[in-house]
Protein backbone atom coordinates (compact mmCIF):
# COMPACT_ATOMS: atom_id res chain seq x y z
CA MET A 1 -13.78 -8.66 19.84
CA HIS A 2 -16.00 -5.64 19.90
CA LEU A 3 -17.64 -4.98 23.24
CA VAL A 4 -20.78 -3.15 22.10
CA ARG A 5 -23.68 -5.58 22.25
CA GLU A 6 -25.75 -3.65 19.71
CA LEU A 7 -23.01 -4.05 17.12
CA SER A 8 -22.72 -7.80 17.61
CA ASP A 9 -26.53 -8.09 17.52
CA PHE A 10 -26.58 -6.12 14.26
CA ALA A 11 -23.89 -8.35 12.75
CA ALA A 12 -25.78 -11.49 13.77
CA ALA A 13 -29.09 -10.17 12.40
CA ASN A 14 -27.51 -9.25 9.05
CA ALA A 15 -25.20 -12.23 8.62
CA ALA A 16 -26.74 -13.01 5.22
CA TRP A 17 -25.12 -9.98 3.59
CA LEU A 18 -22.60 -8.72 6.16
CA ARG A 19 -19.19 -10.30 6.56
CA VAL A 20 -17.32 -9.44 9.76
CA VAL A 21 -13.56 -9.80 9.76
CA ARG A 22 -11.88 -9.58 13.14
CA LEU A 23 -8.59 -7.70 12.96
CA PRO A 24 -5.98 -7.11 15.65
CA THR A 25 -6.27 -3.93 17.68
CA TYR A 26 -3.55 -2.14 15.76
CA ALA A 27 -2.27 -3.67 12.56
CA PRO A 28 -1.06 -1.06 10.05
CA GLU A 29 -0.09 -3.81 7.61
CA LEU A 30 -3.79 -4.78 7.42
CA ASN A 31 -5.07 -1.23 6.97
CA PRO A 32 -5.37 -0.05 3.34
CA ALA A 33 -5.45 3.59 4.52
CA GLU A 34 -1.81 3.23 5.59
CA GLY A 35 -0.90 2.60 1.94
CA VAL A 36 -2.76 5.73 0.88
CA TRP A 37 -0.91 7.77 3.52
CA LEU A 38 2.37 6.33 2.23
CA LEU A 39 1.52 7.42 -1.32
CA LEU A 40 0.54 10.86 -0.04
CA ARG A 41 3.76 11.29 1.95
CA ARG A 42 5.87 10.25 -1.04
CA ALA A 43 4.04 12.69 -3.30
CA MET A 44 4.55 15.55 -0.85
CA ALA A 45 8.23 14.90 -0.10
CA ASP A 46 9.49 17.78 -2.24
CA PHE A 47 6.93 20.42 -1.28
CA VAL A 48 7.43 23.29 1.14
CA VAL A 49 4.40 25.08 2.53
CA THR A 50 4.30 28.34 4.43
CA ASP A 51 0.81 28.14 5.90
CA LEU A 52 -1.99 25.72 6.69
CA ASP A 53 -4.01 26.72 3.61
CA GLY A 54 -1.08 25.78 1.39
CA LEU A 55 -0.79 22.39 3.08
CA VAL A 56 -4.52 21.74 2.68
CA ARG A 57 -4.33 22.66 -1.01
CA ILE A 58 -1.43 20.27 -1.63
CA VAL A 59 -3.04 17.40 0.29
CA LYS A 60 -6.35 17.82 -1.55
CA ARG A 61 -4.59 17.96 -4.92
CA ARG A 62 -2.54 14.82 -4.19
CA LEU A 63 -5.53 12.89 -2.85
CA LYS A 64 -7.50 13.86 -5.98
CA LYS A 65 -4.68 12.48 -8.17
CA ILE A 66 -4.67 9.22 -6.19
CA GLN A 67 -8.47 9.01 -6.46
CA PHE A 68 -8.33 9.07 -10.26
CA ARG A 69 -5.75 6.29 -10.39
CA PRO A 70 -7.70 3.24 -9.20
CA HIS A 71 -4.73 0.93 -9.70
CA LEU A 72 -2.97 2.76 -6.85
CA LEU A 73 -5.91 2.20 -4.52
CA ASP A 74 -6.17 -1.43 -5.63
CA GLY A 75 -2.48 -1.80 -4.80
CA CYS A 76 -3.05 -0.43 -1.29
CA LEU A 77 -5.81 -2.99 -0.76
CA THR A 78 -3.82 -5.85 -2.28
CA ALA A 79 -0.83 -5.07 -0.05
CA THR A 80 -3.00 -5.90 2.97
CA GLY A 81 -3.97 -9.31 1.61
CA LEU A 82 -7.61 -8.20 1.49
CA SER A 83 -9.73 -7.97 -1.62
CA ILE A 84 -13.11 -6.72 -2.73
CA ASP A 85 -14.72 -9.82 -4.14
CA PRO A 86 -18.36 -10.79 -4.28
CA TRP A 87 -18.87 -13.97 -2.32
């Protein structure tokens, strides 16, 4: 449970359109970003970089490729058991 009173007041005041899902403190299996990081690590497995600029270039290029493949992002979300559905 979040301890900031302003946040809980905001959630209560906007309950008509805001859905709050309480997650455990650390649950990588419930975090879609973990799936994106897994895809990124797999894509970068065969690359060798010599400087930070090279690493940044590779990461940006791989993230851009993931961005234009929405089925990959949908898979990361589905793996968590969460979904983006209108209610």
